[in-house]
């Protein structure tokens, strides 16, 4: 029952926030365009509820022509000045309000990961997709990228098994506190590669 009510709550709040933040979002969009010509919105394929693929939206925070510059600049150097600010303030996440309105995401739920992860998931680990992915979730308030991939999945499964209004409210308040710390907020490309390697090793061991 709560899951149905949760979708309505998500939709109403997302529409209200989109209206409230429309001016700040417009300002961010203009700043992105002025600093580094290119697309304002960054789109990335992610795995959603029931393993359905969708595009997640974020304000672009990286320089354009990434492939050409990648060999010369570090991940940190690829982030624009505007990008550093919107990442620090989490303003880069605001376009995900559109994902929520479209019914692809929720405010609270397991973070939607790239497709590569699911190639190495066990059936049990894939249960994290039984609910809508979220802008924030239990794993994010329990350690973000400061915990290993298996702990992240464990927290996601805990959320799936214990989803409730009370838990969502608790995560919301803890997320607000985390926004101001930004500790372990981001994961680098090397970090993603390491997590994928750990998942791959898990699957290879399971075959033995």
N, C-alpha and C. Protein backbone atom coordinates (compact mmCIF):
# COMPACT_ATOMS: atom_id res chain seq x y z
N UNK A 1 0.82 -1.21 0.00
CA UNK A 1 0.00 0.00 0.00
C UNK A 1 0.86 1.27 0.00
N UNK A 2 1.91 1.27 0.88
CA UNK A 2 2.74 2.47 0.97
C UNK A 2 3.43 2.79 -0.35
N UNK A 3 3.84 1.76 -1.10
CA UNK A 3 4.54 2.00 -2.37
C UNK A 3 3.67 2.79 -3.33
N UNK A 4 2.36 2.52 -3.37
CA UNK A 4 1.45 3.26 -4.24
C UNK A 4 1.32 4.71 -3.76
N UNK A 5 1.19 4.89 -2.45
CA UNK A 5 1.09 6.24 -1.89
C UNK A 5 2.40 7.00 -2.12
N UNK A 6 3.51 6.28 -2.00
CA UNK A 6 4.85 6.86 -2.17
C UNK A 6 4.99 7.48 -3.56
N UNK A 7 4.47 6.81 -4.59
CA UNK A 7 4.56 7.32 -5.96
C UNK A 7 3.79 8.63 -6.10
N UNK A 8 2.63 8.72 -5.45
CA UNK A 8 1.83 9.95 -5.51
C UNK A 8 2.56 11.08 -4.78
N UNK A 9 3.11 10.75 -3.59
CA UNK A 9 3.87 11.75 -2.83
C UNK A 9 5.06 12.25 -3.63
N UNK A 10 5.78 11.32 -4.26
CA UNK A 10 6.93 11.68 -5.09
C UNK A 10 6.53 12.64 -6.20
N UNK A 11 5.44 12.32 -6.88
CA UNK A 11 4.99 13.13 -8.02
C UNK A 11 4.63 14.54 -7.58
N UNK A 12 3.84 14.64 -6.52
CA UNK A 12 3.39 15.95 -6.05
C UNK A 12 4.58 16.81 -5.60
N UNK A 13 5.47 16.22 -4.79
CA UNK A 13 6.62 16.97 -4.28
C UNK A 13 7.56 17.36 -5.42
N UNK A 14 7.75 16.45 -6.40
CA UNK A 14 8.64 16.73 -7.53
C UNK A 14 8.13 17.91 -8.35
N UNK A 15 6.83 17.96 -8.58
CA UNK A 15 6.23 19.07 -9.34
C UNK A 15 6.40 20.39 -8.58
N UNK A 16 6.16 20.35 -7.26
CA UNK A 16 6.30 21.55 -6.44
C UNK A 16 7.75 22.05 -6.45
N UNK A 17 8.69 21.12 -6.27
CA UNK A 17 10.11 21.49 -6.25
C UNK A 17 10.58 21.99 -7.61
N UNK A 18 10.05 21.41 -8.67
CA UNK A 18 10.42 21.86 -10.02
C UNK A 18 10.00 23.31 -10.24
N UNK A 19 8.84 23.66 -9.71
CA UNK A 19 8.36 25.04 -9.81
C UNK A 19 9.22 25.97 -8.95
N UNK A 20 9.50 25.55 -7.72
CA UNK A 20 10.29 26.36 -6.79
C UNK A 20 11.70 26.60 -7.32
N UNK A 21 12.30 25.54 -7.89
CA UNK A 21 13.69 25.63 -8.34
C UNK A 21 13.82 25.98 -9.82
N UNK A 22 12.75 26.35 -10.46
CA UNK A 22 12.81 26.65 -11.89
C UNK A 22 13.78 27.79 -12.21
N UNK A 23 13.77 28.84 -11.39
CA UNK A 23 14.68 29.97 -11.62
C UNK A 23 16.13 29.57 -11.35
N UNK A 24 16.44 28.95 -10.20
CA UNK A 24 17.82 28.49 -9.98
C UNK A 24 18.29 27.52 -11.06
N UNK A 25 17.41 26.66 -11.54
CA UNK A 25 17.79 25.71 -12.59
C UNK A 25 18.10 26.44 -13.88
N UNK A 26 17.34 27.50 -14.16
CA UNK A 26 17.58 28.30 -15.37
C UNK A 26 18.93 29.00 -15.26
N UNK A 27 19.23 29.52 -14.09
CA UNK A 27 20.52 30.20 -13.87
C UNK A 27 21.68 29.22 -14.05
N UNK A 28 21.53 28.02 -13.47
CA UNK A 28 22.57 26.99 -13.62
C UNK A 28 22.76 26.63 -15.08
N UNK A 29 21.66 26.48 -15.80
CA UNK A 29 21.73 26.13 -17.23
C UNK A 29 22.48 27.19 -18.03
N UNK A 30 22.21 28.46 -17.73
CA UNK A 30 22.87 29.56 -18.43
C UNK A 30 24.37 29.56 -18.11
N UNK A 31 24.70 29.36 -16.84
CA UNK A 31 26.12 29.35 -16.42
C UNK A 31 26.89 28.21 -17.09
N UNK A 32 26.27 27.05 -17.19
CA UNK A 32 26.92 25.91 -17.85
C UNK A 32 27.21 26.25 -19.30
N UNK A 33 26.24 26.86 -19.96
CA UNK A 33 26.37 27.19 -21.38
C UNK A 33 27.43 28.27 -21.61
N UNK A 34 27.48 29.23 -20.71
CA UNK A 34 28.44 30.32 -20.85
C UNK A 34 29.87 29.87 -20.61
N UNK A 35 30.06 28.98 -19.65
CA UNK A 35 31.42 28.56 -19.33
C UNK A 35 31.98 27.56 -20.34
N UNK A 36 31.17 26.62 -20.76
CA UNK A 36 31.69 25.56 -21.62
C UNK A 36 30.60 25.14 -22.61
N UNK A 37 30.70 25.62 -23.81
CA UNK A 37 29.65 25.34 -24.81
C UNK A 37 29.44 23.84 -24.98
N UNK A 38 28.21 23.45 -25.04
CA UNK A 38 27.88 22.03 -25.13
C UNK A 38 26.53 21.79 -24.50
N UNK A 39 26.14 20.53 -24.38
CA UNK A 39 24.83 20.22 -23.80
C UNK A 39 24.75 20.64 -22.33
N UNK A 40 23.59 21.11 -21.93
CA UNK A 40 23.36 21.51 -20.54
C UNK A 40 23.09 20.30 -19.67
N UNK A 41 22.35 19.37 -20.24
CA UNK A 41 21.96 18.17 -19.51
C UNK A 41 22.83 16.98 -19.90
N UNK A 42 23.29 16.26 -18.90
CA UNK A 42 24.03 15.02 -19.11
C UNK A 42 23.06 13.86 -18.94
N UNK A 43 23.01 12.98 -19.93
CA UNK A 43 22.13 11.82 -19.87
C UNK A 43 22.96 10.55 -19.82
N UNK A 44 22.57 9.62 -18.97
CA UNK A 44 23.30 8.37 -18.84
C UNK A 44 22.33 7.21 -18.67
N UNK A 45 22.58 6.11 -19.38
CA UNK A 45 21.72 4.94 -19.26
C UNK A 45 21.91 4.29 -17.90
N UNK A 46 20.81 4.02 -17.22
CA UNK A 46 20.84 3.38 -15.92
C UNK A 46 19.81 2.26 -15.87
N UNK A 47 19.97 1.38 -14.89
CA UNK A 47 19.02 0.29 -14.69
C UNK A 47 18.01 0.71 -13.63
N UNK A 48 16.72 0.64 -13.98
CA UNK A 48 15.67 1.06 -13.08
C UNK A 48 14.91 -0.12 -12.48
N UNK A 49 13.69 0.18 -12.06
CA UNK A 49 12.86 -0.85 -11.44
C UNK A 49 12.62 -2.00 -12.40
N UNK A 50 12.71 -3.23 -11.87
CA UNK A 50 12.51 -4.45 -12.65
C UNK A 50 13.45 -4.53 -13.84
N UNK A 51 14.66 -3.99 -13.66
CA UNK A 51 15.74 -4.05 -14.66
C UNK A 51 15.43 -3.29 -15.94
N UNK A 52 14.48 -2.37 -15.90
CA UNK A 52 14.17 -1.56 -17.08
C UNK A 52 15.21 -0.45 -17.23
N UNK A 53 15.63 -0.22 -18.47
CA UNK A 53 16.65 0.78 -18.75
C UNK A 53 16.01 2.15 -18.96
N UNK A 54 16.62 3.18 -18.37
CA UNK A 54 16.13 4.54 -18.58
C UNK A 54 17.33 5.49 -18.58
N UNK A 55 17.09 6.73 -18.98
CA UNK A 55 18.14 7.74 -18.95
C UNK A 55 17.99 8.61 -17.72
N UNK A 56 19.05 8.69 -16.93
CA UNK A 56 19.05 9.57 -15.77
C UNK A 56 19.54 10.94 -16.23
N UNK A 57 18.95 12.00 -15.67
CA UNK A 57 19.31 13.37 -16.06
C UNK A 57 20.08 14.07 -14.95
N UNK A 58 21.14 14.76 -15.35
CA UNK A 58 21.90 15.61 -14.44
C UNK A 58 22.35 16.85 -15.20
N UNK A 59 22.62 17.93 -14.46
CA UNK A 59 23.27 19.06 -15.11
C UNK A 59 24.70 18.65 -15.41
N UNK A 60 25.17 18.94 -16.61
CA UNK A 60 26.52 18.56 -17.01
C UNK A 60 27.54 19.33 -16.18
N UNK A 61 28.48 18.60 -15.61
CA UNK A 61 29.51 19.21 -14.77
C UNK A 61 30.92 18.99 -15.32
N UNK A 62 31.02 18.20 -16.40
CA UNK A 62 32.32 17.90 -16.99
C UNK A 62 32.52 18.68 -18.29
N UNK A 63 33.77 18.90 -18.64
CA UNK A 63 34.08 19.58 -19.89
C UNK A 63 33.66 18.74 -21.07
N UNK A 64 33.39 19.39 -22.20
CA UNK A 64 33.02 18.68 -23.41
C UNK A 64 34.27 18.09 -24.06
N UNK A 65 34.05 17.29 -25.13
CA UNK A 65 35.14 16.61 -25.83
C UNK A 65 35.97 15.79 -24.86
N UNK A 66 35.27 15.07 -23.98
CA UNK A 66 35.95 14.32 -22.92
C UNK A 66 36.91 13.27 -23.46
N UNK A 67 36.51 12.59 -24.52
CA UNK A 67 37.36 11.51 -25.05
C UNK A 67 38.71 12.05 -25.52
N UNK A 68 38.70 13.23 -26.15
CA UNK A 68 39.94 13.80 -26.67
C UNK A 68 40.84 14.31 -25.55
N UNK A 69 40.23 14.79 -24.47
CA UNK A 69 41.00 15.38 -23.39
C UNK A 69 41.37 14.39 -22.29
N UNK A 70 40.73 13.22 -22.34
CA UNK A 70 40.85 12.28 -21.22
C UNK A 70 42.30 11.89 -20.93
N UNK A 71 43.10 11.75 -21.96
CA UNK A 71 44.48 11.29 -21.75
C UNK A 71 45.35 12.40 -21.17
N UNK A 72 44.93 13.66 -21.25
CA UNK A 72 45.73 14.78 -20.80
C UNK A 72 45.30 15.31 -19.43
N UNK A 73 44.02 15.19 -19.12
CA UNK A 73 43.50 15.76 -17.89
C UNK A 73 43.00 14.68 -16.93
N UNK A 74 43.17 14.95 -15.64
CA UNK A 74 42.66 14.03 -14.62
C UNK A 74 41.15 14.21 -14.51
N UNK A 75 40.51 13.31 -13.78
CA UNK A 75 39.06 13.40 -13.57
C UNK A 75 38.71 14.73 -12.91
N UNK A 76 39.51 15.15 -11.96
CA UNK A 76 39.27 16.42 -11.25
C UNK A 76 39.38 17.61 -12.20
N UNK A 77 40.37 17.55 -13.10
CA UNK A 77 40.58 18.65 -14.05
C UNK A 77 39.49 18.71 -15.11
N UNK A 78 38.79 17.61 -15.30
CA UNK A 78 37.71 17.58 -16.30
C UNK A 78 36.46 18.30 -15.80
N UNK A 79 36.36 18.52 -14.50
CA UNK A 79 35.19 19.18 -13.93
C UNK A 79 35.30 20.68 -14.14
N UNK A 80 34.25 21.30 -14.66
CA UNK A 80 34.24 22.74 -14.89
C UNK A 80 34.11 23.49 -13.56
N UNK A 81 34.31 24.80 -13.59
CA UNK A 81 34.14 25.62 -12.38
C UNK A 81 32.69 25.57 -11.91
N UNK A 82 31.77 25.70 -12.87
CA UNK A 82 30.35 25.60 -12.53
C UNK A 82 30.05 24.20 -12.01
N UNK A 83 30.68 23.21 -12.64
CA UNK A 83 30.47 21.82 -12.25
C UNK A 83 30.87 21.56 -10.81
N UNK A 84 31.99 22.14 -10.39
CA UNK A 84 32.44 21.96 -9.00
C UNK A 84 31.40 22.52 -8.02
N UNK A 85 30.84 23.68 -8.38
CA UNK A 85 29.86 24.32 -7.50
C UNK A 85 28.56 23.51 -7.42
N UNK A 86 28.05 23.08 -8.58
CA UNK A 86 26.77 22.37 -8.56
C UNK A 86 26.91 20.97 -7.97
N UNK A 87 28.11 20.39 -8.05
CA UNK A 87 28.35 19.10 -7.39
C UNK A 87 28.40 19.28 -5.88
N UNK A 88 29.10 20.34 -5.46
CA UNK A 88 29.25 20.61 -4.03
C UNK A 88 27.89 20.88 -3.38
N UNK A 89 27.01 21.55 -4.10
CA UNK A 89 25.69 21.91 -3.56
C UNK A 89 24.60 20.91 -3.95
N UNK A 90 24.97 19.89 -4.73
CA UNK A 90 24.04 18.87 -5.24
C UNK A 90 23.00 19.44 -6.21
N UNK A 91 23.25 20.63 -6.73
CA UNK A 91 22.34 21.21 -7.72
C UNK A 91 22.35 20.42 -9.02
N UNK A 92 23.43 19.67 -9.25
CA UNK A 92 23.52 18.88 -10.48
C UNK A 92 22.46 17.78 -10.52
N UNK A 93 21.89 17.44 -9.34
CA UNK A 93 20.90 16.37 -9.26
C UNK A 93 19.47 16.86 -9.58
N UNK A 94 19.26 18.17 -9.62
CA UNK A 94 17.90 18.70 -9.78
C UNK A 94 17.14 18.19 -11.02
N UNK A 95 17.81 17.99 -12.17
CA UNK A 95 17.07 17.47 -13.33
C UNK A 95 16.44 16.10 -13.09
N UNK A 96 16.86 15.39 -12.03
CA UNK A 96 16.25 14.10 -11.73
C UNK A 96 14.80 14.25 -11.24
N UNK A 97 14.39 15.48 -10.97
CA UNK A 97 12.98 15.73 -10.68
C UNK A 97 12.13 15.31 -11.88
N UNK A 98 12.69 15.47 -13.07
CA UNK A 98 12.00 15.04 -14.29
C UNK A 98 11.88 13.52 -14.31
N UNK A 99 12.95 12.83 -13.90
CA UNK A 99 12.90 11.37 -13.81
C UNK A 99 11.80 10.91 -12.86
N UNK A 100 11.63 11.64 -11.75
CA UNK A 100 10.60 11.30 -10.78
C UNK A 100 9.21 11.53 -11.37
N UNK A 101 9.03 12.65 -12.02
CA UNK A 101 7.74 12.97 -12.64
C UNK A 101 7.38 11.94 -13.72
N UNK A 102 8.39 11.45 -14.43
CA UNK A 102 8.16 10.44 -15.46
C UNK A 102 7.91 9.05 -14.87
N UNK A 103 8.07 8.91 -13.55
CA UNK A 103 7.84 7.62 -12.91
C UNK A 103 9.01 6.67 -12.99
N UNK A 104 10.19 7.19 -13.33
CA UNK A 104 11.38 6.36 -13.48
C UNK A 104 12.19 6.27 -12.18
N UNK A 105 12.01 7.27 -11.31
CA UNK A 105 12.76 7.33 -10.07
C UNK A 105 11.87 7.78 -8.92
N UNK A 106 12.42 7.67 -7.72
CA UNK A 106 11.77 8.15 -6.51
C UNK A 106 12.77 9.06 -5.79
N UNK A 107 12.32 9.80 -4.80
CA UNK A 107 13.28 10.58 -4.01
C UNK A 107 14.19 9.65 -3.21
N UNK A 108 13.61 8.57 -2.67
CA UNK A 108 14.38 7.64 -1.86
C UNK A 108 14.32 6.23 -2.45
N UNK A 109 15.47 5.60 -2.57
CA UNK A 109 15.56 4.25 -3.11
C UNK A 109 17.01 3.94 -3.45
N UNK A 110 17.34 2.73 -3.83
CA UNK A 110 18.70 2.40 -4.25
C UNK A 110 19.13 3.27 -5.42
N UNK A 111 20.34 3.76 -5.42
CA UNK A 111 20.80 4.58 -6.53
C UNK A 111 20.82 3.76 -7.82
N UNK A 112 20.41 4.37 -8.93
CA UNK A 112 20.43 3.65 -10.22
C UNK A 112 21.86 3.58 -10.75
N UNK A 113 22.34 2.38 -10.99
CA UNK A 113 23.71 2.19 -11.45
C UNK A 113 23.75 1.92 -12.95
N UNK A 114 24.95 2.06 -13.52
CA UNK A 114 25.14 1.81 -14.95
C UNK A 114 24.94 0.32 -15.24
N UNK A 115 24.70 0.01 -16.50
CA UNK A 115 24.36 -1.34 -16.92
C UNK A 115 25.45 -2.36 -16.61
N UNK A 116 26.73 -1.92 -16.65
CA UNK A 116 27.86 -2.84 -16.48
C UNK A 116 27.78 -3.64 -15.18
N UNK A 117 27.24 -3.02 -14.13
CA UNK A 117 27.18 -3.70 -12.83
C UNK A 117 26.34 -4.97 -12.90
N UNK A 118 25.23 -4.90 -13.61
CA UNK A 118 24.25 -5.98 -13.55
C UNK A 118 24.70 -7.25 -14.26
N UNK A 119 25.71 -7.12 -15.09
CA UNK A 119 26.26 -8.31 -15.75
C UNK A 119 26.84 -9.27 -14.72
N UNK A 120 27.28 -8.72 -13.58
CA UNK A 120 27.99 -9.54 -12.59
C UNK A 120 27.18 -9.76 -11.31
N UNK A 121 25.94 -9.27 -11.28
CA UNK A 121 25.10 -9.44 -10.09
C UNK A 121 24.56 -10.85 -9.97
N UNK A 122 24.41 -11.29 -8.75
CA UNK A 122 23.68 -12.54 -8.50
C UNK A 122 22.19 -12.23 -8.53
N UNK A 123 21.35 -13.26 -8.56
CA UNK A 123 19.91 -13.04 -8.55
C UNK A 123 19.48 -12.30 -7.28
N UNK A 124 20.13 -12.63 -6.17
CA UNK A 124 19.81 -11.96 -4.90
C UNK A 124 20.14 -10.47 -4.98
N UNK A 125 21.29 -10.14 -5.55
CA UNK A 125 21.70 -8.75 -5.64
C UNK A 125 20.80 -7.95 -6.59
N UNK A 126 20.24 -8.63 -7.58
CA UNK A 126 19.34 -7.95 -8.52
C UNK A 126 18.02 -7.55 -7.87
N UNK A 127 17.76 -8.05 -6.65
CA UNK A 127 16.53 -7.67 -5.96
C UNK A 127 16.50 -6.18 -5.61
N UNK A 128 17.65 -5.52 -5.70
CA UNK A 128 17.67 -4.08 -5.42
C UNK A 128 16.84 -3.30 -6.43
N UNK A 129 16.47 -3.94 -7.53
CA UNK A 129 15.67 -3.28 -8.55
C UNK A 129 14.16 -3.55 -8.37
N UNK A 130 13.77 -4.11 -7.25
CA UNK A 130 12.35 -4.39 -7.01
C UNK A 130 11.58 -3.12 -6.64
N UNK A 131 12.30 -2.05 -6.34
CA UNK A 131 11.67 -0.76 -6.06
C UNK A 131 12.29 0.28 -6.98
N UNK A 132 11.62 1.43 -7.10
CA UNK A 132 12.17 2.49 -7.94
C UNK A 132 13.50 2.98 -7.39
N UNK A 133 14.46 3.25 -8.25
CA UNK A 133 15.73 3.81 -7.79
C UNK A 133 15.50 5.23 -7.26
N UNK A 134 16.41 5.70 -6.41
CA UNK A 134 16.20 7.00 -5.78
C UNK A 134 17.34 7.98 -5.98
N UNK A 135 17.04 9.25 -5.71
CA UNK A 135 18.08 10.28 -5.72
C UNK A 135 19.02 10.05 -4.54
N UNK A 136 18.44 9.60 -3.42
CA UNK A 136 19.25 9.21 -2.27
C UNK A 136 18.69 7.89 -1.74
N UNK A 137 19.47 7.25 -0.89
CA UNK A 137 19.02 5.95 -0.38
C UNK A 137 19.75 5.58 0.90
N UNK A 138 19.46 4.41 1.40
CA UNK A 138 20.05 3.96 2.66
C UNK A 138 21.56 3.84 2.56
N UNK A 139 22.05 3.33 1.44
CA UNK A 139 23.50 3.18 1.27
C UNK A 139 24.20 4.54 1.25
N UNK A 140 23.51 5.55 0.71
CA UNK A 140 24.10 6.89 0.62
C UNK A 140 24.26 7.53 2.00
N UNK A 141 23.30 7.33 2.88
CA UNK A 141 23.41 7.94 4.21
C UNK A 141 24.24 7.09 5.16
N UNK A 142 24.55 5.86 4.77
CA UNK A 142 25.33 4.97 5.63
C UNK A 142 26.82 4.96 5.28
N UNK A 143 27.20 5.73 4.26
CA UNK A 143 28.62 5.74 3.93
C UNK A 143 28.96 6.14 2.52
N UNK A 144 27.93 6.26 1.65
CA UNK A 144 28.17 6.64 0.26
C UNK A 144 29.25 5.75 -0.36
N UNK A 145 30.25 6.40 -0.95
CA UNK A 145 31.32 5.63 -1.60
C UNK A 145 32.47 5.31 -0.66
N UNK A 146 32.24 5.52 0.64
CA UNK A 146 33.24 5.15 1.62
C UNK A 146 33.10 3.70 2.06
N UNK A 147 32.07 3.03 1.57
CA UNK A 147 31.87 1.61 1.89
C UNK A 147 32.01 0.79 0.60
N UNK A 148 32.32 -0.50 0.74
CA UNK A 148 32.56 -1.30 -0.46
C UNK A 148 31.25 -1.64 -1.17
N UNK A 149 31.38 -2.14 -2.37
CA UNK A 149 30.23 -2.41 -3.24
C UNK A 149 29.26 -3.40 -2.61
N UNK A 150 29.76 -4.38 -1.89
CA UNK A 150 28.88 -5.40 -1.31
C UNK A 150 28.08 -4.83 -0.14
N UNK A 151 28.69 -3.91 0.61
CA UNK A 151 27.98 -3.25 1.70
C UNK A 151 26.89 -2.35 1.13
N UNK A 152 27.19 -1.68 0.04
CA UNK A 152 26.18 -0.83 -0.61
C UNK A 152 24.97 -1.67 -1.01
N UNK A 153 25.24 -2.81 -1.61
CA UNK A 153 24.15 -3.69 -2.05
C UNK A 153 23.37 -4.21 -0.85
N UNK A 154 24.07 -4.56 0.22
CA UNK A 154 23.39 -5.03 1.43
C UNK A 154 22.42 -3.98 1.97
N UNK A 155 22.86 -2.72 2.00
CA UNK A 155 21.98 -1.64 2.47
C UNK A 155 20.78 -1.46 1.53
N UNK A 156 21.03 -1.60 0.23
CA UNK A 156 19.93 -1.48 -0.74
C UNK A 156 18.89 -2.57 -0.53
N UNK A 157 19.36 -3.78 -0.27
CA UNK A 157 18.44 -4.90 -0.03
C UNK A 157 17.70 -4.72 1.29
N UNK A 158 18.38 -4.15 2.28
CA UNK A 158 17.70 -3.84 3.54
C UNK A 158 16.56 -2.87 3.30
N UNK A 159 16.80 -1.90 2.43
CA UNK A 159 15.75 -0.92 2.12
C UNK A 159 14.57 -1.60 1.43
N UNK A 160 14.88 -2.43 0.45
CA UNK A 160 13.82 -3.14 -0.29
C UNK A 160 12.96 -3.96 0.66
N UNK A 161 13.59 -4.60 1.63
CA UNK A 161 12.87 -5.48 2.56
C UNK A 161 12.14 -4.73 3.67
N UNK A 162 12.51 -3.46 3.88
CA UNK A 162 11.93 -2.72 5.02
C UNK A 162 11.36 -1.36 4.61
N UNK A 163 11.04 -1.19 3.34
CA UNK A 163 10.55 0.09 2.85
C UNK A 163 9.32 0.55 3.64
N UNK A 164 9.36 1.80 4.08
CA UNK A 164 8.26 2.35 4.86
C UNK A 164 8.35 3.87 4.85
N UNK A 165 7.28 4.52 5.22
CA UNK A 165 7.25 5.98 5.28
C UNK A 165 8.25 6.48 6.33
N UNK A 166 8.29 5.81 7.47
CA UNK A 166 9.19 6.19 8.55
C UNK A 166 10.64 6.11 8.11
N UNK A 167 11.00 5.03 7.41
CA UNK A 167 12.37 4.87 6.93
C UNK A 167 12.72 5.95 5.91
N UNK A 168 11.78 6.24 5.01
CA UNK A 168 12.02 7.27 3.99
C UNK A 168 12.27 8.64 4.63
N UNK A 169 11.46 8.98 5.63
CA UNK A 169 11.63 10.27 6.31
C UNK A 169 12.99 10.35 6.99
N UNK A 170 13.39 9.25 7.62
CA UNK A 170 14.70 9.20 8.28
C UNK A 170 15.82 9.42 7.28
N UNK A 171 15.72 8.77 6.11
CA UNK A 171 16.75 8.91 5.08
C UNK A 171 16.78 10.33 4.53
N UNK A 172 15.60 10.95 4.38
CA UNK A 172 15.52 12.33 3.89
C UNK A 172 16.31 13.26 4.80
N UNK A 173 16.08 13.19 6.11
CA UNK A 173 16.77 14.07 7.05
C UNK A 173 18.27 13.79 7.09
N UNK A 174 18.65 12.51 7.01
CA UNK A 174 20.07 12.18 7.03
C UNK A 174 20.74 12.63 5.73
N UNK A 175 19.99 12.59 4.63
CA UNK A 175 20.52 13.06 3.34
C UNK A 175 20.81 14.55 3.38
N UNK A 176 19.91 15.32 3.99
CA UNK A 176 20.10 16.77 4.11
C UNK A 176 21.39 17.08 4.85
N UNK A 177 21.68 16.33 5.89
CA UNK A 177 22.92 16.52 6.63
C UNK A 177 24.14 16.15 5.79
N UNK A 178 24.00 15.09 4.98
CA UNK A 178 25.11 14.63 4.14
C UNK A 178 25.45 15.62 3.04
N UNK A 179 24.45 16.37 2.57
CA UNK A 179 24.67 17.33 1.49
C UNK A 179 25.74 18.34 1.89
N UNK A 180 25.79 18.69 3.18
CA UNK A 180 26.72 19.70 3.64
C UNK A 180 28.12 19.15 3.94
N UNK A 181 28.26 17.85 3.98
CA UNK A 181 29.57 17.26 4.25
C UNK A 181 30.28 16.87 2.97
N UNK A 182 29.55 16.27 2.02
CA UNK A 182 30.08 15.82 0.73
C UNK A 182 31.19 14.77 0.87
N UNK A 183 31.35 14.22 2.06
CA UNK A 183 32.38 13.19 2.26
C UNK A 183 32.00 11.92 1.51
N UNK A 184 32.94 11.42 0.70
CA UNK A 184 32.74 10.20 -0.10
C UNK A 184 31.54 10.32 -1.04
N UNK A 185 31.25 11.54 -1.48
CA UNK A 185 30.05 11.76 -2.30
C UNK A 185 30.22 11.25 -3.72
N UNK A 186 31.44 11.31 -4.24
CA UNK A 186 31.66 10.95 -5.64
C UNK A 186 32.52 9.70 -5.76
N UNK A 187 32.33 9.04 -6.88
CA UNK A 187 33.16 7.88 -7.19
C UNK A 187 33.83 8.12 -8.54
N UNK A 188 35.13 7.86 -8.61
CA UNK A 188 35.87 8.09 -9.85
C UNK A 188 35.69 6.91 -10.80
N UNK A 189 36.17 7.10 -12.02
CA UNK A 189 36.11 6.01 -13.00
C UNK A 189 36.91 4.81 -12.52
N UNK A 190 38.04 5.07 -11.88
CA UNK A 190 38.85 3.98 -11.34
C UNK A 190 38.09 3.25 -10.23
N UNK A 191 37.33 4.03 -9.45
CA UNK A 191 36.53 3.43 -8.38
C UNK A 191 35.48 2.50 -8.94
N UNK A 192 34.85 2.91 -10.04
CA UNK A 192 33.84 2.08 -10.70
C UNK A 192 34.49 0.80 -11.23
N UNK A 193 35.66 0.94 -11.84
CA UNK A 193 36.37 -0.22 -12.38
C UNK A 193 36.71 -1.22 -11.25
N UNK A 194 37.11 -0.68 -10.10
CA UNK A 194 37.45 -1.55 -8.97
C UNK A 194 36.22 -2.30 -8.48
N UNK A 195 35.08 -1.60 -8.41
CA UNK A 195 33.85 -2.26 -7.96
C UNK A 195 33.42 -3.34 -8.94
N UNK A 196 33.54 -3.06 -10.23
CA UNK A 196 33.19 -4.05 -11.25
C UNK A 196 34.10 -5.27 -11.15
N UNK A 197 35.37 -5.02 -10.88
CA UNK A 197 36.33 -6.12 -10.74
C UNK A 197 35.96 -7.00 -9.54
N UNK A 198 35.52 -6.38 -8.44
CA UNK A 198 35.12 -7.13 -7.25
C UNK A 198 33.88 -7.98 -7.52
N UNK A 199 32.93 -7.41 -8.27
CA UNK A 199 31.73 -8.16 -8.61
C UNK A 199 32.04 -9.31 -9.55
N UNK A 200 32.94 -9.06 -10.49
CA UNK A 200 33.33 -10.09 -11.45
C UNK A 200 34.02 -11.25 -10.73
N UNK A 201 34.89 -10.90 -9.78
CA UNK A 201 35.59 -11.92 -9.00
C UNK A 201 34.59 -12.75 -8.19
N UNK A 202 33.57 -12.09 -7.66
CA UNK A 202 32.52 -12.79 -6.90
C UNK A 202 31.83 -13.83 -7.78
N UNK A 203 31.50 -13.44 -9.00
CA UNK A 203 30.79 -14.34 -9.90
C UNK A 203 31.68 -15.50 -10.34
N UNK A 204 32.93 -15.23 -10.55
CA UNK A 204 33.87 -16.27 -10.97
C UNK A 204 34.04 -17.30 -9.84
N UNK A 205 34.09 -16.83 -8.59
CA UNK A 205 34.21 -17.74 -7.44
C UNK A 205 32.96 -18.60 -7.31
N UNK A 206 31.81 -18.00 -7.64
CA UNK A 206 30.54 -18.72 -7.52
C UNK A 206 30.46 -19.88 -8.50
N UNK A 207 31.20 -19.77 -9.62
CA UNK A 207 31.19 -20.81 -10.64
C UNK A 207 32.04 -22.02 -10.25
N UNK A 208 33.02 -21.75 -9.36
CA UNK A 208 33.96 -22.82 -8.98
C UNK A 208 33.27 -23.88 -8.12
